[in-house]
Amino acid sequence: FDKIAQLEYYVYSRCYVSKRAFADEYFIKMLKRGRSNFAVMKREELATWVTSEYALFTTFGHIIASELGHFHKGNPAFQVLHDGVTIAHKKYVGCAVSFVLPYTVGSELMLKNVIIATGFKRSSHSA
């Protein structure tokens, strides 16, 4: 593990990772096992890195949007999706952006449907 790996674990892990884990003595012991000089991210560092990662994500989003605008010749290139779901008897609402991404294989134009989840929140509605 290095600091990038710690950030990736926090941001991209399939399970919920609390910022408090980075101050937990057992989590730190696990990371430092066999490496006494190993640097564990502090909560403030984590917030800075997450902000930078989000800025990178939005920058790529703007680039993709611009390129798709050219490809679709000014026609709408994105579709925003939302839906409700029940998981373990709890209601959630999810949001996503869907678009068709053109790419080439050799000289052949291919199209790939891409869906990027942009939000997933517990709903206050019980019905």
Foldseek 3Di string as FASTA:
>chain_A
DAAVVVLCCCPPPPDHDDLCLLVDPVSVCVVCPVPVPGDGDHSVNSVVVVVVVVVVVVVVVVVQVVVQCVVVVNPDFKDKDKDWDADPLFIKIWIWIWGWDWDDDPNDIDIDIDIGTDDIGTDPDND
